[in-house]
Every structure is written in C-alpha cells, then in structure tokens.
C-alpha atoms as a PDB file:
ATOM      1  CA  MET A   1     264.157  92.742 162.537  1.00  0.00           C
ATOM      2  CA  LYS A   2     264.225  96.082 161.001  1.00  0.00           C
ATOM      3  CA  SER A   3     267.593  95.355 159.156  1.00  0.00           C
ATOM      4  CA  LEU A   4     265.701  92.744 157.188  1.00  0.00           C
ATOM      5  CA  ILE A   5     262.746  94.711 155.568  1.00  0.00           C
ATOM      6  CA  PRO A   6     265.266  96.436 152.977  1.00  0.00           C
ATOM      7  CA  ASN A   7     267.668  93.014 152.211  1.00  0.00           C
ATOM      8  CA  LEU A   8     263.872  90.972 151.848  1.00  0.00           C
ATOM      9  CA  LEU A   9     263.123  93.539 149.256  1.00  0.00           C
ATOM     10  CA  THR A  10     266.718  93.482 147.673  1.00  0.00           C
ATOM     11  CA  LEU A  11     265.941  89.551 146.819  1.00  0.00           C
ATOM     12  CA  GLY A  12     262.659  89.972 145.760  1.00  0.00           C
ATOM     13  CA  ASN A  13     264.627  91.728 143.387  1.00  0.00           C
ATOM     14  CA  LEU A  14     266.990  88.866 142.513  1.00  0.00           C
ATOM     15  CA  LEU A  15     263.921  87.297 142.197  1.00  0.00           C
ATOM     16  CA  CYS A  16     261.966  88.755 139.557  1.00  0.00           C
ATOM     17  CA  GLY A  17     265.480  88.791 137.766  1.00  0.00           C
ATOM     18  CA  THR A  18     265.639  85.472 137.806  1.00  0.00           C
ATOM     19  CA  ILE A  19     262.551  84.483 136.747  1.00  0.00           C
ATOM     20  CA  ALA A  20     262.771  87.381 134.207  1.00  0.00           C
ATOM     21  CA  THR A  21     266.002  85.426 133.060  1.00  0.00           C
ATOM     22  CA  ILE A  22     264.001  81.992 132.244  1.00  0.00           C
ATOM     23  CA  PHE A  23     261.239  84.303 130.368  1.00  0.00           C
ATOM     24  CA  ALA A  24     264.212  86.009 128.337  1.00  0.00           C
ATOM     25  CA  VAL A  25     265.314  82.556 127.085  1.00  0.00           C
ATOM     26  CA  LYS A  26     261.782  81.650 125.670  1.00  0.00           C
ATOM     27  CA  GLY A  27     261.208  84.732 124.158  1.00  0.00           C
ATOM     28  CA  ASP A  28     258.750  86.020 126.253  1.00  0.00           C
ATOM     29  CA  TYR A  29     259.428  89.657 126.248  1.00  0.00           C
ATOM     30  CA  TYR A  30     256.188  91.286 128.126  1.00  0.00           C
ATOM     31  CA  ALA A  31     256.731  88.835 130.874  1.00  0.00           C
ATOM     32  CA  THR A  32     260.341  89.542 130.828  1.00  0.00           C
ATOM     33  CA  ALA A  33     260.020  93.254 130.812  1.00  0.00           C
ATOM     34  CA  LEU A  34     256.829  93.123 133.721  1.00  0.00           C
ATOM     35  CA  LEU A  35     259.642  91.418 135.985  1.00  0.00           C
ATOM     36  CA  VAL A  36     262.080  93.664 135.521  1.00  0.00           C
ATOM     37  CA  GLY A  37     259.993  96.661 135.908  1.00  0.00           C
ATOM     38  CA  VAL A  38     259.010  94.877 139.456  1.00  0.00           C
ATOM     39  CA  GLY A  39     261.919  94.138 140.044  1.00  0.00           C
ATOM     40  CA  ILE A  40     263.716  97.789 139.706  1.00  0.00           C
ATOM     41  CA  GLY A  41     261.276  98.886 141.573  1.00  0.00           C
ATOM     42  CA  PHE A  42     261.600  96.365 144.434  1.00  0.00           C
ATOM     43  CA  ASP A  43     265.991  98.193 143.981  1.00  0.00           C
ATOM     44  CA  PHE A  44     264.713 101.451 144.008  1.00  0.00           C
ATOM     45  CA  PHE A  45     262.314 100.928 147.172  1.00  0.00           C
ATOM     46  CA  ASP A  46     264.872  98.846 148.883  1.00  0.00           C
ATOM     47  CA  GLY A  47     267.678 101.628 149.571  1.00  0.00           C
ATOM     48  CA  PHE A  48     264.482 104.332 150.304  1.00  0.00           C
ATOM     49  CA  VAL A  49     263.370 101.514 153.204  1.00  0.00           C
ATOM     50  CA  ALA A  50     267.028 101.363 154.469  1.00  0.00           C
ATOM     51  CA  ARG A  51     267.271 105.203 154.990  1.00  0.00           C
ATOM     52  CA  LEU A  52     263.914 105.527 156.777  1.00  0.00           C
ATOM     53  CA  LEU A  53     264.298 102.969 159.029  1.00  0.00           C
ATOM     54  CA  LYS A  54     268.253 104.002 159.294  1.00  0.00           C
ATOM     55  CA  VAL A  55     269.986 100.429 158.707  1.00  0.00           C
ATOM     56  CA  GLN A  56     272.024 101.084 155.696  1.00  0.00           C
ATOM     57  CA  GLY A  57     275.109  99.030 155.731  1.00  0.00           C
ATOM     58  CA  GLU A  58     277.947  96.756 154.141  1.00  0.00           C
ATOM     59  CA  LEU A  59     275.572  93.953 154.038  1.00  0.00           C
ATOM     60  CA  GLY A  60     273.069  95.863 151.883  1.00  0.00           C
ATOM     61  CA  LYS A  61     275.479  97.289 149.087  1.00  0.00           C
ATOM     62  CA  GLN A  62     277.009  94.193 148.185  1.00  0.00           C
ATOM     63  CA  LEU A  63     273.552  92.251 148.184  1.00  0.00           C
ATOM     64  CA  ASP A  64     271.781  94.767 146.159  1.00  0.00           C
ATOM     65  CA  SER A  65     274.855  94.999 143.531  1.00  0.00           C
ATOM     66  CA  LEU A  66     274.716  91.222 143.390  1.00  0.00           C
ATOM     67  CA  ALA A  67     270.959  91.612 142.515  1.00  0.00           C
ATOM     68  CA  ASP A  68     271.075  94.314 140.405  1.00  0.00           C
ATOM     69  CA  MET A  69     273.759  91.892 138.567  1.00  0.00           C
ATOM     70  CA  VAL A  70     271.079  89.160 137.248  1.00  0.00           C
ATOM     71  CA  THR A  71     268.102  91.894 136.732  1.00  0.00           C
ATOM     72  CA  SER A  72     270.069  94.752 135.379  1.00  0.00           C
ATOM     73  CA  GLY A  73     273.222  92.744 134.320  1.00  0.00           C
ATOM     74  CA  VAL A  74     272.280  88.914 132.728  1.00  0.00           C
ATOM     75  CA  VAL A  75     268.456  90.084 131.836  1.00  0.00           C
ATOM     76  CA  PRO A  76     269.037  92.618 129.407  1.00  0.00           C
ATOM     77  CA  GLY A  77     272.260  90.868 127.690  1.00  0.00           C
ATOM     78  CA  ILE A  78     270.359  88.201 126.943  1.00  0.00           C
ATOM     79  CA  VAL A  79     267.208  89.742 125.491  1.00  0.00           C
ATOM     80  CA  MET A  80     269.690  92.055 123.584  1.00  0.00           C
ATOM     81  CA  MET A  81     271.283  88.484 122.185  1.00  0.00           C
ATOM     82  CA  GLN A  82     267.595  87.192 121.518  1.00  0.00           C
ATOM     83  CA  MET A  83     267.109  90.815 119.368  1.00  0.00           C
ATOM     84  CA  LEU A  84     270.462  89.868 117.011  1.00  0.00           C
ATOM     85  CA  VAL A  85     269.241  86.634 116.478  1.00  0.00           C
ATOM     86  CA  ASN A  86     265.860  88.011 115.061  1.00  0.00           C
ATOM     87  CA  ALA A  87     267.959  91.010 113.513  1.00  0.00           C
ATOM     88  CA  LEU A  88     270.419  88.114 111.576  1.00  0.00           C
ATOM     89  CA  ASP A  89     267.400  86.182 110.634  1.00  0.00           C
ATOM     90  CA  VAL A  90     269.017  82.521 111.721  1.00  0.00           C
ATOM     91  CA  ASP A  91     267.436  79.823 113.408  1.00  0.00           C
ATOM     92  CA  ALA A  92     269.284  79.855 116.654  1.00  0.00           C
ATOM     93  CA  VAL A  93     272.655  80.898 118.358  1.00  0.00           C
ATOM     94  CA  GLY A  94     275.200  79.482 117.378  1.00  0.00           C
ATOM     95  CA  TYR A  95     277.169  76.211 119.447  1.00  0.00           C
ATOM     96  CA  PHE A  96     280.645  77.167 118.512  1.00  0.00           C
ATOM     97  CA  GLY A  97     280.700  74.956 115.816  1.00  0.00           C
ATOM     98  CA  PHE A  98     277.820  72.269 115.179  1.00  0.00           C
ATOM     99  CA  ASP A  99     274.670  71.910 116.840  1.00  0.00           C
ATOM    100  CA  LYS A 100     273.615  67.949 117.183  1.00  0.00           C
ATOM    101  CA  GLU A 101     271.765  67.375 113.668  1.00  0.00           C
ATOM    102  CA  GLY A 102     274.652  69.420 112.009  1.00  0.00           C
ATOM    103  CA  VAL A 103     272.912  72.677 111.704  1.00  0.00           C
ATOM    104  CA  SER A 104     275.124  75.658 112.296  1.00  0.00           C
ATOM    105  CA  GLY A 105     274.148  79.017 113.630  1.00  0.00           C
ATOM    106  CA  SER A 106     275.689  82.227 114.162  1.00  0.00           C
ATOM    107  CA  ASN A 107     277.770  82.910 117.347  1.00  0.00           C
ATOM    108  CA  PHE A 108     277.456  86.868 116.264  1.00  0.00           C
ATOM    109  CA  PRO A 109     273.705  87.045 118.709  1.00  0.00           C
ATOM    110  CA  TYR A 110     276.501  87.059 121.769  1.00  0.00           C
ATOM    111  CA  PHE A 111     277.736  89.698 121.161  1.00  0.00           C
ATOM    112  CA  GLY A 112     274.677  91.052 123.376  1.00  0.00           C
ATOM    113  CA  LEU A 113     276.134  89.464 126.266  1.00  0.00           C
ATOM    114  CA  LEU A 114     278.751  92.609 126.113  1.00  0.00           C
ATOM    115  CA  LEU A 115     276.247  94.618 128.177  1.00  0.00           C
ATOM    116  CA  THR A 116     276.088  92.045 130.829  1.00  0.00           C
ATOM    117  CA  LEU A 117     280.282  91.717 131.057  1.00  0.00           C
ATOM    118  CA  PHE A 118     280.345  95.494 131.509  1.00  0.00           C
ATOM    119  CA  ALA A 119     277.514  95.730 133.943  1.00  0.00           C
ATOM    120  CA  CYS A 120     279.080  93.607 135.817  1.00  0.00           C
ATOM    121  CA  TYR A 121     282.394  96.063 136.101  1.00  0.00           C
ATOM    122  CA  ARG A 122     279.935  98.997 136.466  1.00  0.00           C
ATOM    123  CA  LEU A 123     278.294  97.566 139.738  1.00  0.00           C
ATOM    124  CA  ALA A 124     281.560  96.063 140.930  1.00  0.00           C
ATOM    125  CA  LYS A 125     283.240 100.026 140.300  1.00  0.00           C
ATOM    126  CA  PHE A 126     280.160 101.653 141.773  1.00  0.00           C
ATOM    127  CA  ASN A 127     280.962 100.020 145.585  1.00  0.00           C
ATOM    128  CA  ILE A 128     284.152 101.509 145.817  1.00  0.00           C
ATOM    129  CA  ASP A 129     283.573 104.375 144.333  1.00  0.00           C
ATOM    130  CA  GLU A 130     282.287 106.824 147.159  1.00  0.00           C
ATOM    131  CA  ARG A 131     281.559 109.691 144.672  1.00  0.00           C
ATOM    132  CA  GLN A 132     278.145 107.931 143.751  1.00  0.00           C
ATOM    133  CA  SER A 133     276.367 108.626 147.166  1.00  0.00           C
ATOM    134  CA  ASP A 134     274.379 111.226 145.602  1.00  0.00           C
ATOM    135  CA  SER A 135     274.721 110.894 141.977  1.00  0.00           C
ATOM    136  CA  PHE A 136     275.853 108.491 139.221  1.00  0.00           C
ATOM    137  CA  ILE A 137     278.952 108.498 137.499  1.00  0.00           C
ATOM    138  CA  GLY A 138     278.421 106.298 134.676  1.00  0.00           C
ATOM    139  CA  LEU A 139     274.868 105.153 132.902  1.00  0.00           C
ATOM    140  CA  PRO A 140     273.305 103.032 136.294  1.00  0.00           C
ATOM    141  CA  THR A 141     272.542  99.508 135.146  1.00  0.00           C
ATOM    142  CA  PRO A 142     268.467  99.977 135.671  1.00  0.00           C
ATOM    143  CA  ALA A 143     268.936 102.725 133.021  1.00  0.00           C
ATOM    144  CA  MET A 144     270.195 100.433 130.763  1.00  0.00           C
ATOM    145  CA  SER A 145     268.143  97.830 131.514  1.00  0.00           C
ATOM    146  CA  LEU A 146     264.875  99.440 131.054  1.00  0.00           C
ATOM    147  CA  PHE A 147     266.300 100.757 127.340  1.00  0.00           C
ATOM    148  CA  VAL A 148     267.312  97.201 126.211  1.00  0.00           C
ATOM    149  CA  ILE A 149     264.446  95.681 127.390  1.00  0.00           C
ATOM    150  CA  SER A 150     261.662  98.047 125.662  1.00  0.00           C
ATOM    151  CA  LEU A 151     263.007  97.339 122.050  1.00  0.00           C
ATOM    152  CA  PRO A 152     260.964  94.015 121.673  1.00  0.00           C
ATOM    153  CA  ILE A 153     258.222  95.395 123.122  1.00  0.00           C
ATOM    154  CA  ILE A 154     258.032  98.293 120.819  1.00  0.00           C
ATOM    155  CA  VAL A 155     258.261  95.279 117.986  1.00  0.00           C
ATOM    156  CA  GLU A 156     255.447  93.502 119.702  1.00  0.00           C
ATOM    157  CA  TYR A 157     253.219  95.974 120.938  1.00  0.00           C
ATOM    158  CA  ALA A 158     253.939  99.236 118.646  1.00  0.00           C
ATOM    159  CA  PRO A 159     253.923  97.812 115.345  1.00  0.00           C
ATOM    160  CA  GLU A 160     252.777 101.074 113.791  1.00  0.00           C
ATOM    161  CA  SER A 161     255.708 103.342 115.157  1.00  0.00           C
ATOM    162  CA  PHE A 162     258.051 104.779 113.365  1.00  0.00           C
ATOM    163  CA  PHE A 163     260.587 103.181 115.189  1.00  0.00           C
ATOM    164  CA  LEU A 164     259.849  99.804 114.280  1.00  0.00           C
ATOM    165  CA  GLU A 165     262.261  99.191 111.540  1.00  0.00           C
ATOM    166  CA  ILE A 166     265.151 100.821 113.725  1.00  0.00           C
ATOM    167  CA  VAL A 167     264.842  98.262 116.637  1.00  0.00           C
ATOM    168  CA  GLN A 168     264.853  95.545 114.149  1.00  0.00           C
ATOM    169  CA  ASN A 169     268.103  96.387 111.966  1.00  0.00           C
ATOM    170  CA  GLN A 170     271.407  94.712 113.131  1.00  0.00           C
ATOM    171  CA  VAL A 171     273.688  97.369 112.906  1.00  0.00           C
ATOM    172  CA  PHE A 172     271.117 100.176 115.503  1.00  0.00           C
ATOM    173  CA  LEU A 173     271.440  96.890 117.512  1.00  0.00           C
ATOM    174  CA  ILE A 174     275.522  97.006 117.677  1.00  0.00           C
ATOM    175  CA  ILE A 175     275.658 100.539 117.948  1.00  0.00           C
ATOM    176  CA  VAL A 176     273.422 100.795 120.871  1.00  0.00           C
ATOM    177  CA  THR A 177     275.639  97.257 122.755  1.00  0.00           C
ATOM    178  CA  ILE A 178     278.752  99.811 122.520  1.00  0.00           C
ATOM    179  CA  LEU A 179     277.252 102.664 123.321  1.00  0.00           C
ATOM    180  CA  LEU A 180     275.385 101.835 126.272  1.00  0.00           C
ATOM    181  CA  SER A 181     278.434  99.573 127.261  1.00  0.00           C
ATOM    182  CA  VAL A 182     280.464 102.625 127.246  1.00  0.00           C
ATOM    183  CA  LEU A 183     278.334 104.447 128.999  1.00  0.00           C
ATOM    184  CA  MET A 184     277.750 102.603 132.198  1.00  0.00           C
ATOM    185  CA  VAL A 185     281.950 102.730 132.652  1.00  0.00           C
ATOM    186  CA  SER A 186     282.239 106.306 131.624  1.00  0.00           C
ATOM    187  CA  GLU A 187     282.429 109.079 133.965  1.00  0.00           C
ATOM    188  CA  LEU A 188     279.757 111.341 132.735  1.00  0.00           C
ATOM    189  CA  PRO A 189     278.223 112.323 135.689  1.00  0.00           C
ATOM    190  CA  LEU A 190     273.996 111.441 135.783  1.00  0.00           C
ATOM    191  CA  PHE A 191     271.711 112.835 138.213  1.00  0.00           C
ATOM    192  CA  SER A 192     270.116 110.748 140.603  1.00  0.00           C
ATOM    193  CA  LEU A 193     266.007 111.000 141.353  1.00  0.00           C
ATOM    194  CA  LYS A 194     266.777 111.268 144.779  1.00  0.00           C
ATOM    195  CA  PHE A 195     265.910 113.898 146.415  1.00  0.00           C
ATOM    196  CA  LYS A 196     267.344 116.316 149.626  1.00  0.00           C
ATOM    197  CA  ASN A 197     265.106 118.777 149.710  1.00  0.00           C
ATOM    198  CA  TYR A 198     261.883 120.105 147.487  1.00  0.00           C
ATOM    199  CA  SER A 199     263.082 123.311 146.211  1.00  0.00           C
ATOM    200  CA  PHE A 200     262.701 124.063 142.630  1.00  0.00           C
ATOM    201  CA  GLN A 201     266.038 125.711 142.291  1.00  0.00           C
ATOM    202  CA  ASN A 202     267.891 122.781 143.666  1.00  0.00           C
ATOM    203  CA  ASN A 203     266.417 120.540 141.928  1.00  0.00           C
ATOM    204  CA  TRP A 204     264.713 121.878 138.421  1.00  0.00           C
ATOM    205  CA  VAL A 205     266.560 119.317 136.356  1.00  0.00           C
ATOM    206  CA  LYS A 206     265.066 116.320 138.326  1.00  0.00           C
ATOM    207  CA  TYR A 207     261.299 118.141 138.447  1.00  0.00           C
ATOM    208  CA  MET A 208     261.690 118.827 134.521  1.00  0.00           C
ATOM    209  CA  PHE A 209     262.695 114.892 133.642  1.00  0.00           C
ATOM    210  CA  LEU A 210     259.843 113.724 135.445  1.00  0.00           C
ATOM    211  CA  LEU A 211     257.657 116.106 133.207  1.00  0.00           C
ATOM    212  CA  ILE A 212     258.701 115.186 130.687  1.00  0.00           C
ATOM    213  CA  ALA A 213     258.421 111.664 131.363  1.00  0.00           C
ATOM    214  CA  VAL A 214     254.522 111.937 132.058  1.00  0.00           C
ATOM    215  CA  VAL A 215     254.446 113.862 129.059  1.00  0.00           C
ATOM    216  CA  LEU A 216     255.817 111.254 126.762  1.00  0.00           C
ATOM    217  CA  ILE A 217     254.487 108.133 128.427  1.00  0.00           C
ATOM    218  CA  VAL A 218     251.249 109.744 127.864  1.00  0.00           C
ATOM    219  CA  TRP A 219     251.819 110.352 124.215  1.00  0.00           C
ATOM    220  CA  LEU A 220     253.932 107.264 123.033  1.00  0.00           C
ATOM    221  CA  LYS A 221     253.344 105.026 125.893  1.00  0.00           C
ATOM    222  CA  VAL A 222     256.132 101.814 125.820  1.00  0.00           C
ATOM    223  CA  VAL A 223     257.699 104.161 122.510  1.00  0.00           C
ATOM    224  CA  ALA A 224     258.692 106.673 125.357  1.00  0.00           C
ATOM    225  CA  ILE A 225     260.816 104.466 127.404  1.00  0.00           C
ATOM    226  CA  PRO A 226     264.522 104.655 125.241  1.00  0.00           C
ATOM    227  CA  LEU A 227     263.528 107.982 124.889  1.00  0.00           C
ATOM    228  CA  LEU A 228     263.585 108.929 128.464  1.00  0.00           C
ATOM    229  CA  ILE A 229     266.338 107.098 129.179  1.00  0.00           C
ATOM    230  CA  LEU A 230     267.976 109.245 125.981  1.00  0.00           C
ATOM    231  CA  MET A 231     267.079 113.279 127.585  1.00  0.00           C
ATOM    232  CA  TYR A 232     267.990 111.248 130.961  1.00  0.00           C
ATOM    233  CA  ILE A 233     271.704 111.666 129.325  1.00  0.00           C
ATOM    234  CA  LEU A 234     270.780 114.953 127.846  1.00  0.00           C
ATOM    235  CA  LEU A 235     269.223 116.461 130.666  1.00  0.00           C
ATOM    236  CA  SER A 236     272.565 115.232 132.804  1.00  0.00           C
ATOM    237  CA  ILE A 237     275.111 116.537 130.133  1.00  0.00           C
ATOM    238  CA  LEU A 238     273.342 120.355 130.609  1.00  0.00           C
ATOM    239  CA  ASN A 239     272.941 119.888 134.317  1.00  0.00           C
ATOM    240  CA  ASN A 240     276.841 119.711 134.191  1.00  0.00           C
ATOM    241  CA  VAL A 241     276.801 122.753 131.861  1.00  0.00           C
ATOM    242  CA  ALA A 242     274.878 124.598 134.166  1.00  0.00           C
ATOM    243  CA  LYS A 243     277.491 123.762 137.263  1.00  0.00           C
ATOM    244  CA  ILE A 244     280.891 124.975 135.421  1.00  0.00           C
END
C-alpha cells in the first residue's frame, strides 16, 4: 500500500497536466499556470515521499517521466505555440493549407512545439542516465515549463512591466524556444534542490538561490519566474567553476 502513495501523487501531476493542456489550447493562461504549478508540486513531492517511505522503484521512475511529458512537455509547447500566434498577429495556426472556409493560417507557430520534442528526448535521456541522482545534466523540464508558462502571465497580469514588449516579440520567442530546447539536452551540470545535509559549506549555492528567489518574488512577483530560471542556470555555472 505504501508504494501506491507516491504513484498517486505522480498521477496527480498527470491529471493537472492534462487539464492544463485543455486550458492552454483555450488560451486561459492563468488556469494553465496554476495547474502546471500544482502538477510540478506533485512531481516534487512524489519523489520525496517515495524516498521517505523507501518505496523507490523503476515503475515510479517511468511513471514520473510520463507524467512530466504532459505537464512539462506538451503544455509549454502549446503555450509557446499560442504566443507565437499572437506575436505574428495571425488569426489561427495553419492547417498545412487552407481551412474549410478557405482562409489561410500561419504554420510557423508550430515551431513552439520544438519544446515538446526536446522535452521528450530529455526525459528519455534522464531515465537511462545514472549520473543524475543528486544533480541534473541539462535543464530539467519543470524549469523549462515554468519559464514558458510565466511569459503569457507577464503579458496579462503585469502590463506595466518593462519585459512586456520583449515577451511579445517573435524573435525573442524563437530564440527562447531554441535556447531552452538546447539547454534541456545539453551536458551542462545543474544543481538540484535536494538536501543531503543542511551545512552552508556544502549547500551554499542552494541557499543563495532560495534567498534570491524570495527577494525577486516579493519584488517582481510573476516577472521573477523567468529571471529565477536564468539565475538558476548562472548559479549552476558558478558552482561548476568553483569545483574546478
């Protein structure tokens, strides 16, 4: 029975991701972000509970990646696709030709689904990579997902932000899509927020990140999310240099 508990949490992640997909297609980005956030919360706690109950196993590992594929793979791909539709100022995504009313649409927004493809590759790679038990090699898909779903929230709920024009620019969105895709499958070591012990010497980079996260969230609110992902990557690079 104990082994069912973390798997139920993982399925909670999948359920949130599935519903978030529906809202992303409808363009309700607030509901999408809320559901993805809850799903990622389930994703964090399923592993924590599995370790706590000592019921870690191959089934849970595979189930976790399958759930992540929806919440942190399909959903951000659709959100980026929708943002490209808005940035290109087209009425709809193309039908690889013409729709039933004879109106053409742009096929280019499908470029945003590159995130979904690379997320799938990253998750499959993660499952067979034994180096990623205590840290990550490449950008985790939840971090990528949080970055992407925060962009339309900035547009909708932070109109006074100086990031507004940037996140609505098609060139910016294309560059972000490419960079996040490459980072997910890169060999860049990134720290994990798992704590083996709580000494400052061994965990200084984690404590620094958490402190910066609190300050930025209080100061910038939703705008802080993409900045935190960038800070996470930067601190990981600094941590790697410090270990040399």
